Each structure stands twice: as structure tokens, then as C-alpha cells.
Amino acid sequence: MKSYVKLSAAIVVLAGAALAAQNDVAPTNDLPNPYGSVENYFKLPEGRKWGSTSAIEIDKDGRTIWVAERCAANSCLDRATGEMSSSDPVLHFDASGKLIKSFGAGMLIFPHGIFVDRDGNVWVTDGQDNAPVPARGAGGGRGREAGAGAAPTAPAPSGPIGPRPGATKGNQVYKFSPDGKVLLTLGKPGGAAAPDYFYQPNDVLVAPNGDIFVSEGHGAGNNRVLKFDKAGKFIKEWGKLGTAPGEFDQPHALAMDSRGRLFVGDRNNNRVQIFDQDGKFIAEWKQFSRPSGVFIDKQDNIYVADSESESVSRNHDGWRRGLRIGSAKDGTVKYFIPDPETRKRPDFSGTSAAEGVAADAQGNVYGAEVGPQRVMKYTRRSGTQ
């Protein structure tokens, strides 16, 4: 019996070692880059400059581009005065980069995620609130994108939190018509703790049948995915803070492939998790690095933005920041567009390169950058495959 127990224990140890080996994915840094950079492609109105942006999406026409930016700063709220910017944060550009529409002034504090549904409606998450700034020394600043104009946050508790004292606005998800009319709002103004919602909603996605998915948790409190029906009625949620399958630490981005599988960019765990639409875990992929943004096109090409490895992140050494492009069908990584900023800790600390990513029907790739405060376009070089 003792021999059997020892043998069983040995098998368990070996199985655990094999699993650990599978999870030790070598950095996918040395891949071809068939793309050329196009700076200053998008034209803003005279006198206006880009703010931080992580929200970029392609219209249902496959050609025009939607961007939600943070009002020439890293927040549309001036926390010193409590006043909202008069600039429209939601911008619609044609395929030549010309601004053709804008809306949302005074509504969004911290636009973070964006999605365009099959009817052309535009969904935007507002990931912060308007609570008064804590007294000096009372807050932490753990939020990865907390920069100029962003609210300091206290060290992250492990359980559900929200709303913060004095919060009356923000932490919601908006559904706009293509012309900017508010069609639906999810969440309580200022935020709410579980079982209500939201606190720090990151991204939103609408499935072909109209079901709505929202990922929540940006460095504090809740780490979960919530599912609603097309009318906004809550259906279910899954996830908590952790590293096991189905657990999250900053579920920062959402995407869906042609098979209806939901991809979650589990950023602080350096992985993409894949689920069915009921929240059943299917797989995890670490080969796409640390995912700030995830986009899947109609051909099931997957685009993953890493804006933090070796700068903000302290647990992902050896991985370069940039955009990784591959197959959502089998998980292969084919191309890598590197971050032009090559410095890393301790010489450089901050989010860099694209945090949001999208690709149009012609295969052009767009990166929305928080730290550099710009939106980049990448096109395939002639003669490359």
C-alpha cells in the first residue's frame, strides 16, 4: 500500500511539472513584421490634440473607424474643479482619416472600451467615477492607466467594492445610436458593488444574438465577466480575483471569434482566456503576451496589444511590448509589430505602444495608445505575405 501511495504521489508531481512546463511559454518576440507605421493619419479639428485612448473599433461597414479618447488628457473630468470637458470623446473617422462625426461631451469621464454591434450602434464603457480625490496619502494609484487627470485609487481589496463616497457619475456602459443618441445604459451612476454593477468596467461586447458581455475590474475590487440579454437584463456572471482557470486579474479586453467563443484579455495574469457564452472555460493562451487589447476579425485573425510588459508589469520579463497577430483558430502567433519604445524598467516605467487594437476589412491595423496619447495605423508593406 505504501509503495502504491508513493507511486501515486510521484505521478501527481510529474503531472504538475508537465503542466507547469506547458505554461512556461517562451516569449514570442522574434517574429516577422510585415507592417509599416503611419503616424498622424487621423485628422482632429483645429486646436484639438489627442488624449489617452484605449478604445478603438471598426464600424459595421468594415472601413470607417470609431475612437473614444479622453479629451486631450487622461480623463474628461478636471478633478481639481469637478468640471467636465466640453470636447466630444467619441469620434468617427472615415477611411481616409477624416473626422465625420463626434458626440458624448459631458457624459464620459474615462472612456475605456468600445464596440460596434451588427446594427451599427456604438457601445462605450466609462471606467472611472467622479468621486472627490482622496486627501494626500489616503490613496494609492494602483490603476495601470492612472496618469495626469486620473483618479488615485486605494490599494485593491480582494472583494467587491463600489461605489466610492461622493461618486454620482461614471462606471457605466452606454449604448449609443450611430448619431450619438443614448439607447441604453447599464449600471448605476457612480458605480455599484456586486451583486449590482459596475465598478471599473473595462470592455463591452455584443454577441450576434444580442447578448451583452462586460468585463469588470481594473486594478481594484471585482474581477468578473457579466452577461446581460439584449434589453440589458442581467443573466449571470463568472470570475473572481485569482490565477486559476475562470479567475481573473484585470479582465481588460473582450473579443469573439466566428465560433462564438468569448476571448478575455486577462491582463495581469499574462494570458488570454477562452470561454463559451455561458462562462465555461475552454482554454488559456499565453503566447500572445500580456493582453491590454484583443480584436478578432471576420477571418478569425486575432490581434493582441501588449502595452505593459517590462515597463508597468513586474512579472513578465523577457517579453517585448507591441502588437502580436495570429490565428484565433489554433493560437499560432505569426507577426509582431514591436513598440518603438525599447526602454524598460528601471529606465522606463509606464504604458507604451497600443493598448487598444482593431483591424479593418482591408487588413489595416490600428493601435490606440494611452501613454503616447495617439492613434497609429499600420499597413502591410507591398510584397509581404
Protein backbone atom coordinates (compact mmCIF):
# COMPACT_ATOMS: atom_id res chain seq x y z
CA MET A 1 0.00 0.00 0.00
CA LYS A 2 2.84 2.43 0.89
CA SER A 3 4.50 1.75 -2.45
CA TYR A 4 1.23 2.47 -4.23
CA VAL A 5 0.82 5.76 -2.35
CA LYS A 6 4.39 6.79 -3.18
CA LEU A 7 3.85 5.91 -6.84
CA SER A 8 0.60 7.88 -6.94
CA ALA A 9 2.29 10.89 -5.35
CA ALA A 10 5.10 10.69 -7.88
CA ILE A 11 2.61 10.62 -10.73
CA VAL A 12 0.88 13.73 -9.33
CA VAL A 13 4.21 15.56 -9.04
CA LEU A 14 5.21 14.65 -12.60
CA ALA A 15 1.83 15.68 -13.93
CA GLY A 16 2.12 19.01 -12.14
CA ALA A 17 5.60 19.53 -13.55
CA ALA A 18 4.37 18.76 -17.06
CA LEU A 19 1.52 21.25 -16.66
CA ALA A 20 3.93 23.90 -15.39
CA ALA A 21 6.19 23.27 -18.38
CA GLN A 22 3.26 23.78 -20.73
CA ASN A 23 2.51 27.11 -19.07
CA ASP A 24 6.11 28.34 -19.38
CA VAL A 25 5.70 29.82 -22.85
CA ALA A 26 8.82 31.27 -24.45
CA PRO A 27 8.49 34.95 -25.45
CA THR A 28 7.16 35.41 -28.97
CA ASN A 29 9.38 38.38 -29.79
CA ASP A 30 11.26 37.17 -32.87
CA LEU A 31 8.53 37.16 -35.49
CA PRO A 32 8.22 38.87 -38.88
CA ASN A 33 6.82 42.40 -39.05
CA PRO A 34 5.27 42.93 -42.49
CA TYR A 35 3.63 46.22 -41.41
CA GLY A 36 4.67 49.82 -41.91
CA SER A 37 3.69 52.61 -39.49
CA VAL A 38 1.52 55.55 -40.49
CA GLU A 39 1.62 58.41 -37.99
CA ASN A 40 -0.81 61.35 -37.86
CA TYR A 41 -3.29 59.53 -40.06
CA PHE A 42 -6.37 60.76 -38.21
CA LYS A 43 -7.20 64.45 -38.51
CA LEU A 44 -8.57 66.19 -35.44
CA PRO A 45 -10.32 69.58 -35.50
CA GLU A 46 -8.12 72.66 -35.45
CA GLY A 47 -6.71 73.30 -32.00
CA ARG A 48 -7.54 69.88 -30.60
CA LYS A 49 -4.97 67.27 -29.67
CA TRP A 50 -5.20 63.60 -28.80
CA GLY A 51 -5.65 62.44 -25.25
CA SER A 52 -5.08 58.95 -23.91
CA THR A 53 -7.13 56.34 -25.70
CA SER A 54 -7.59 52.59 -25.32
CA ALA A 55 -10.90 52.42 -27.20
CA ILE A 56 -10.83 51.80 -30.95
CA GLU A 57 -13.23 49.83 -33.15
CA ILE A 58 -14.22 49.31 -36.77
CA ASP A 59 -17.68 50.31 -37.94
CA LYS A 60 -20.03 47.67 -39.34
CA ASP A 61 -19.09 48.92 -42.81
CA GLY A 62 -15.62 47.41 -42.28
CA ARG A 63 -13.86 50.63 -43.34
CA THR A 64 -14.55 53.55 -41.02
CA ILE A 65 -13.11 53.80 -37.52
CA TRP A 66 -14.54 54.72 -34.12
CA VAL A 67 -12.31 56.03 -31.35
CA ALA A 68 -13.18 57.10 -27.81
CA GLU A 69 -10.44 59.32 -26.36
CA ARG A 70 -10.01 61.10 -23.04
CA CYS A 71 -10.49 64.72 -24.03
CA ALA A 72 -6.86 65.66 -24.76
CA ALA A 73 -5.78 64.35 -21.35
CA ASN A 74 -6.19 61.07 -19.46
CA SER A 75 -9.66 61.98 -18.22
CA CYS A 76 -12.58 64.08 -19.43
CA LEU A 77 -13.07 65.26 -15.84
CA ASP A 78 -10.97 68.05 -14.34
CA ARG A 79 -10.67 66.71 -10.82
CA ALA A 80 -9.37 69.98 -9.47
CA THR A 81 -12.55 71.82 -10.45
CA GLY A 82 -15.03 68.96 -10.88
CA GLU A 83 -15.89 70.22 -14.37
CA MET A 84 -16.34 68.00 -17.40
CA SER A 85 -14.61 68.76 -20.69
CA SER A 86 -16.70 70.33 -23.44
CA SER A 87 -14.99 68.11 -26.04
CA ASP A 88 -16.75 65.15 -27.64
CA PRO A 89 -14.86 61.98 -26.63
CA VAL A 90 -16.49 59.62 -29.17
CA LEU A 91 -15.09 60.21 -32.66
CA HIS A 92 -15.98 58.63 -36.02
CA PHE A 93 -13.42 58.81 -38.85
CA ASP A 94 -13.80 57.84 -42.48
CA ALA A 95 -11.35 55.51 -44.22
CA SER A 96 -9.09 58.47 -45.14
CA GLY A 97 -8.76 59.56 -41.50
CA LYS A 98 -11.16 62.50 -41.77
CA LEU A 99 -13.42 63.16 -38.78
CA ILE A 100 -17.02 62.78 -39.86
CA LYS A 101 -18.87 62.68 -36.54
CA SER A 102 -18.40 63.19 -32.81
CA PHE A 103 -20.56 63.13 -29.69
CA GLY A 104 -20.62 62.42 -25.94
CA ALA A 105 -19.42 65.71 -24.43
CA GLY A 106 -20.08 65.86 -20.69
CA MET A 107 -21.13 62.21 -20.48
CA LEU A 108 -17.98 60.09 -20.22
CA ILE A 109 -15.25 60.51 -17.62
CA PHE A 110 -12.83 57.78 -18.68
CA PRO A 111 -13.82 56.05 -21.94
CA HIS A 112 -12.05 52.72 -21.87
CA GLY A 113 -13.66 50.09 -24.11
CA ILE A 114 -15.72 50.35 -27.29
CA PHE A 115 -17.74 48.00 -29.51
CA VAL A 116 -19.90 48.42 -32.62
CA ASP A 117 -22.75 45.93 -32.90
CA ARG A 118 -24.36 44.48 -36.04
CA ASP A 119 -26.83 47.37 -36.21
CA GLY A 120 -24.08 49.96 -36.09
CA ASN A 121 -24.77 51.03 -32.52
CA VAL A 122 -21.74 52.15 -30.52
CA TRP A 123 -21.13 50.80 -27.02
CA VAL A 124 -18.67 52.53 -24.69
CA THR A 125 -17.54 51.72 -21.15
CA ASP A 126 -16.83 54.55 -18.71
CA GLY A 127 -14.20 53.11 -16.38
CA GLN A 128 -13.93 55.73 -13.63
CA ASP A 129 -16.17 57.87 -11.44
CA ASN A 130 -16.31 61.47 -10.25
CA ALA A 131 -15.69 60.84 -6.55
CA PRO A 132 -13.61 63.57 -4.88
CA VAL A 133 -9.87 62.95 -4.91
CA PRO A 134 -8.75 61.48 -1.54
CA ALA A 135 -6.55 63.60 0.67
CA ARG A 136 -2.83 63.28 0.04
CA GLY A 137 -1.62 59.96 1.38
CA ALA A 138 -5.11 58.44 1.50
CA GLY A 139 -4.97 56.78 -1.92
CA GLY A 140 -2.59 54.54 -3.76
CA GLY A 141 -2.68 54.91 -7.52
CA ARG A 142 -2.63 51.22 -8.40
CA GLY A 143 -4.64 51.68 -11.58
CA ARG A 144 -2.42 50.83 -14.53
CA GLU A 145 -3.60 53.77 -16.60
CA ALA A 146 -3.76 56.33 -13.81
CA GLY A 147 -1.90 59.30 -15.20
CA ALA A 148 -2.49 63.02 -15.47
CA GLY A 149 -6.13 63.67 -14.67
CA ALA A 150 -6.89 60.15 -13.45
CA ALA A 151 -8.28 59.39 -10.03
CA PRO A 152 -5.95 57.90 -7.45
CA THR A 153 -7.18 54.60 -6.12
CA ALA A 154 -6.62 52.87 -2.82
CA PRO A 155 -4.81 49.52 -2.63
CA ALA A 156 -7.00 46.85 -4.14
CA PRO A 157 -9.18 44.84 -1.77
CA SER A 158 -9.96 41.25 -2.65
CA GLY A 159 -13.73 41.55 -2.60
CA PRO A 160 -16.45 43.54 -4.38
CA ILE A 161 -16.36 47.29 -3.89
CA GLY A 162 -18.17 50.42 -5.04
CA PRO A 163 -19.47 52.99 -5.21
CA ARG A 164 -16.88 55.32 -3.75
CA PRO A 165 -18.04 58.09 -1.42
CA GLY A 166 -19.34 61.02 -3.41
CA ALA A 167 -19.49 59.22 -6.75
CA THR A 168 -22.53 60.28 -8.77
CA LYS A 169 -21.29 59.71 -12.31
CA GLY A 170 -19.25 57.15 -14.24
CA ASN A 171 -18.66 53.38 -14.00
CA GLN A 172 -21.39 52.67 -16.55
CA VAL A 173 -21.81 51.23 -20.04
CA TYR A 174 -23.56 53.28 -22.73
CA LYS A 175 -25.21 52.17 -25.93
CA PHE A 176 -25.33 55.00 -28.49
CA SER A 177 -27.00 55.13 -31.86
CA PRO A 178 -24.58 55.94 -34.72
CA ASP A 179 -25.71 59.56 -34.32
CA GLY A 180 -24.99 59.68 -30.60
CA LYS A 181 -28.44 59.15 -29.12
CA VAL A 182 -28.35 57.18 -25.85
CA LEU A 183 -30.34 53.98 -26.40
CA LEU A 184 -29.45 52.03 -23.26
CA THR A 185 -27.42 52.48 -20.09
CA LEU A 186 -26.09 49.64 -17.94
CA GLY A 187 -25.03 50.13 -14.33
CA LYS A 188 -25.74 52.64 -11.60
CA PRO A 189 -24.31 56.16 -11.95
CA GLY A 190 -21.08 56.31 -9.95
CA GLY A 191 -20.78 52.54 -9.65
CA ALA A 192 -22.07 49.72 -7.51
CA ALA A 193 -20.76 46.65 -5.70
CA ALA A 194 -21.72 43.11 -6.62
CA PRO A 195 -24.37 41.83 -6.99
CA ASP A 196 -25.04 45.20 -8.63
CA TYR A 197 -22.72 46.81 -11.16
CA PHE A 198 -20.30 48.29 -12.19
CA TYR A 199 -17.01 49.25 -10.65
CA GLN A 200 -14.29 49.87 -13.25
CA PRO A 201 -15.93 48.33 -16.35
CA ASN A 202 -13.18 47.68 -18.88
CA ASP A 203 -14.74 46.44 -22.11
CA VAL A 204 -18.06 45.54 -23.69
CA LEU A 205 -19.05 43.10 -26.47
CA VAL A 206 -22.39 42.24 -28.05
CA ALA A 207 -22.86 38.71 -29.37
CA PRO A 208 -24.67 38.08 -32.69
CA ASN A 209 -27.84 37.13 -30.75
CA GLY A 210 -27.79 40.44 -28.87
CA ASP A 211 -26.45 39.20 -25.53
CA ILE A 212 -24.13 41.73 -23.89
CA PHE A 213 -20.86 40.90 -22.15
CA VAL A 214 -18.97 43.33 -19.89
CA SER A 215 -15.59 42.72 -18.26
CA GLU A 216 -15.03 44.45 -14.94
CA GLY A 217 -12.01 45.12 -12.75
CA HIS A 218 -9.14 47.47 -13.44
CA GLY A 219 -6.79 47.04 -10.53
CA ALA A 220 -9.26 47.07 -7.66
CA GLY A 221 -12.19 45.03 -6.38
CA ASN A 222 -14.28 42.96 -8.74
CA ASN A 223 -12.69 40.72 -11.37
CA ARG A 224 -15.54 39.21 -13.36
CA VAL A 225 -17.42 38.98 -16.65
CA LEU A 226 -21.12 39.87 -16.62
CA LYS A 227 -23.70 38.74 -19.15
CA PHE A 228 -26.96 40.56 -19.99
CA ASP A 229 -29.71 39.99 -22.52
CA LYS A 230 -30.28 42.45 -25.37
CA ALA A 231 -32.62 44.54 -23.20
CA GLY A 232 -29.96 44.90 -20.51
CA LYS A 233 -31.42 42.36 -18.07
CA PHE A 234 -28.75 40.64 -16.00
CA ILE A 235 -28.30 36.94 -16.81
CA LYS A 236 -25.19 35.74 -15.00
CA GLU A 237 -21.61 36.47 -14.05
CA TRP A 238 -18.42 34.49 -13.56
CA GLY A 239 -14.94 35.06 -12.24
CA LYS A 240 -13.13 36.34 -9.18
CA LEU A 241 -9.63 37.52 -8.35
CA GLY A 242 -7.19 34.67 -8.91
CA THR A 243 -4.98 32.79 -11.32
CA ALA A 244 -6.93 29.55 -11.84
CA PRO A 245 -8.98 28.88 -14.99
CA GLY A 246 -12.04 31.13 -14.93
CA GLU A 247 -10.45 33.56 -12.46
CA PHE A 248 -9.15 36.98 -13.44
CA ASP A 249 -6.78 39.76 -12.52
CA GLN A 250 -7.79 42.69 -14.72
CA PRO A 251 -10.08 41.23 -17.41
CA HIS A 252 -9.12 44.13 -19.65
CA ALA A 253 -10.46 43.23 -23.12
CA LEU A 254 -13.11 41.14 -24.88
CA ALA A 255 -13.39 39.63 -28.36
CA MET A 256 -15.44 36.86 -30.02
CA ASP A 257 -14.49 34.53 -32.86
CA SER A 258 -16.66 33.13 -35.65
CA ARG A 259 -17.49 30.09 -33.49
CA GLY A 260 -18.97 32.29 -30.78
CA ARG A 261 -16.17 31.72 -28.29
CA LEU A 262 -15.52 34.61 -25.92
CA PHE A 263 -11.88 35.69 -25.58
CA VAL A 264 -10.95 37.61 -22.42
CA GLY A 265 -7.68 39.51 -22.15
CA ASP A 266 -6.73 38.60 -18.57
CA ARG A 267 -4.01 41.21 -18.41
CA ASN A 268 -2.39 40.87 -15.01
CA ASN A 269 -2.30 37.08 -15.45
CA ASN A 270 -0.48 37.49 -18.79
CA ARG A 271 -2.94 35.34 -20.71
CA VAL A 272 -5.99 35.23 -22.94
CA GLN A 273 -8.74 33.01 -21.56
CA ILE A 274 -11.34 31.45 -23.86
CA PHE A 275 -14.90 30.62 -22.75
CA ASP A 276 -18.19 29.59 -24.23
CA GLN A 277 -21.01 32.12 -23.87
CA ASP A 278 -22.18 30.52 -20.62
CA GLY A 279 -18.80 31.09 -19.00
CA LYS A 280 -17.47 27.54 -19.37
CA PHE A 281 -13.68 27.61 -19.54
CA ILE A 282 -12.20 26.26 -22.77
CA ALA A 283 -8.52 27.23 -22.87
CA GLU A 284 -5.87 29.76 -21.93
CA TRP A 285 -3.25 31.20 -24.28
CA LYS A 286 -0.07 32.83 -23.02
CA GLN A 287 1.74 33.07 -26.35
CA PHE A 288 0.15 36.44 -27.16
CA SER A 289 1.89 38.05 -24.17
CA ARG A 290 0.27 40.49 -21.74
CA PRO A 291 -3.10 41.47 -23.28
CA SER A 292 -4.28 45.04 -22.93
CA GLY A 293 -6.39 44.80 -26.09
CA VAL A 294 -7.82 41.92 -28.14
CA PHE A 295 -9.54 42.06 -31.54
CA ILE A 296 -10.68 39.24 -33.84
CA ASP A 297 -11.65 39.92 -37.45
CA LYS A 298 -14.10 38.03 -39.65
CA GLN A 299 -11.35 35.71 -40.88
CA ASP A 300 -10.52 34.75 -37.29
CA ASN A 301 -7.23 36.60 -37.27
CA ILE A 302 -6.50 37.68 -33.72
CA TYR A 303 -4.73 40.91 -32.80
CA VAL A 304 -3.41 41.32 -29.24
CA ALA A 305 -1.88 44.52 -27.84
CA ASP A 306 0.77 44.39 -25.11
CA SER A 307 1.40 47.86 -23.66
CA GLU A 308 2.95 46.92 -20.31
CA SER A 309 5.50 44.11 -20.38
CA GLU A 310 8.82 45.11 -18.78
CA SER A 311 7.57 48.64 -18.06
CA VAL A 312 4.41 48.64 -15.92
CA SER A 313 4.34 44.89 -15.38
CA ARG A 314 6.84 43.43 -12.94
CA ASN A 315 6.02 39.81 -13.67
CA HIS A 316 6.58 39.49 -17.40
CA ASP A 317 10.27 39.97 -18.05
CA GLY A 318 11.64 38.87 -21.40
CA TRP A 319 8.50 39.82 -23.35
CA ARG A 320 8.58 42.87 -25.62
CA ARG A 321 5.69 45.29 -25.85
CA GLY A 322 3.84 45.58 -29.14
CA LEU A 323 1.11 44.03 -31.29
CA ARG A 324 1.01 40.28 -31.88
CA ILE A 325 -1.07 38.93 -34.74
CA GLY A 326 -2.04 35.32 -35.29
CA SER A 327 -4.88 32.83 -35.62
CA ALA A 328 -7.84 32.60 -33.28
CA LYS A 329 -8.47 29.12 -34.69
CA ASP A 330 -5.33 27.41 -33.44
CA GLY A 331 -3.49 30.03 -31.41
CA THR A 332 -0.45 30.39 -33.64
CA VAL A 333 1.35 33.74 -33.50
CA LYS A 334 2.50 34.89 -36.93
CA TYR A 335 3.57 38.52 -36.75
CA PHE A 336 4.84 41.06 -34.25
CA ILE A 337 4.76 44.86 -34.53
CA PRO A 338 7.20 45.99 -31.83
CA ASP A 339 6.80 49.03 -29.61
CA PRO A 340 9.25 51.68 -30.88
CA GLU A 341 9.95 52.50 -27.23
CA THR A 342 12.59 49.91 -26.34
CA ARG A 343 13.43 51.11 -22.85
CA LYS A 344 12.29 49.07 -19.88
CA ARG A 345 12.48 49.19 -16.10
CA PRO A 346 14.24 50.86 -14.38
CA ASP A 347 14.94 53.36 -17.16
CA PHE A 348 11.32 53.47 -18.30
CA SER A 349 8.08 52.90 -16.41
CA GLY A 350 4.69 53.38 -17.99
CA THR A 351 2.21 52.10 -20.51
CA SER A 352 3.52 52.31 -24.06
CA ALA A 353 2.59 51.10 -27.54
CA ALA A 354 -1.01 50.21 -28.36
CA GLU A 355 -3.44 49.35 -25.60
CA GLY A 356 -6.49 49.13 -27.83
CA VAL A 357 -6.36 47.42 -31.22
CA ALA A 358 -8.62 46.91 -34.24
CA ALA A 359 -8.26 45.88 -37.87
CA ASP A 360 -10.40 46.89 -40.84
CA ALA A 361 -11.66 44.74 -43.71
CA GLN A 362 -8.60 45.62 -45.82
CA GLY A 363 -6.24 44.30 -43.14
CA ASN A 364 -5.04 47.67 -41.88
CA VAL A 365 -4.29 47.59 -38.15
CA TYR A 366 -4.98 50.44 -35.72
CA GLY A 367 -3.43 50.90 -32.31
CA ALA A 368 -4.84 53.21 -29.62
CA GLU A 369 -2.14 54.38 -27.23
CA VAL A 370 -2.64 55.57 -23.66
CA GLY A 371 0.86 56.73 -22.72
CA PRO A 372 1.97 58.35 -26.00
CA GLN A 373 -1.58 59.75 -26.48
CA ARG A 374 -2.01 58.95 -30.15
CA VAL A 375 -3.65 56.51 -32.58
CA MET A 376 -1.43 54.67 -35.06
CA LYS A 377 -2.24 52.98 -38.35
CA TYR A 378 -0.24 50.03 -39.67
CA THR A 379 -0.42 48.85 -43.28
CA ARG A 380 1.01 45.77 -44.96
CA ARG A 381 4.17 46.53 -46.88
CA SER A 382 3.98 45.75 -50.58
CA GLY A 383 5.33 42.34 -51.47
CA THR A 384 4.80 40.85 -48.00
CA GLN A 385 2.53 37.93 -47.23
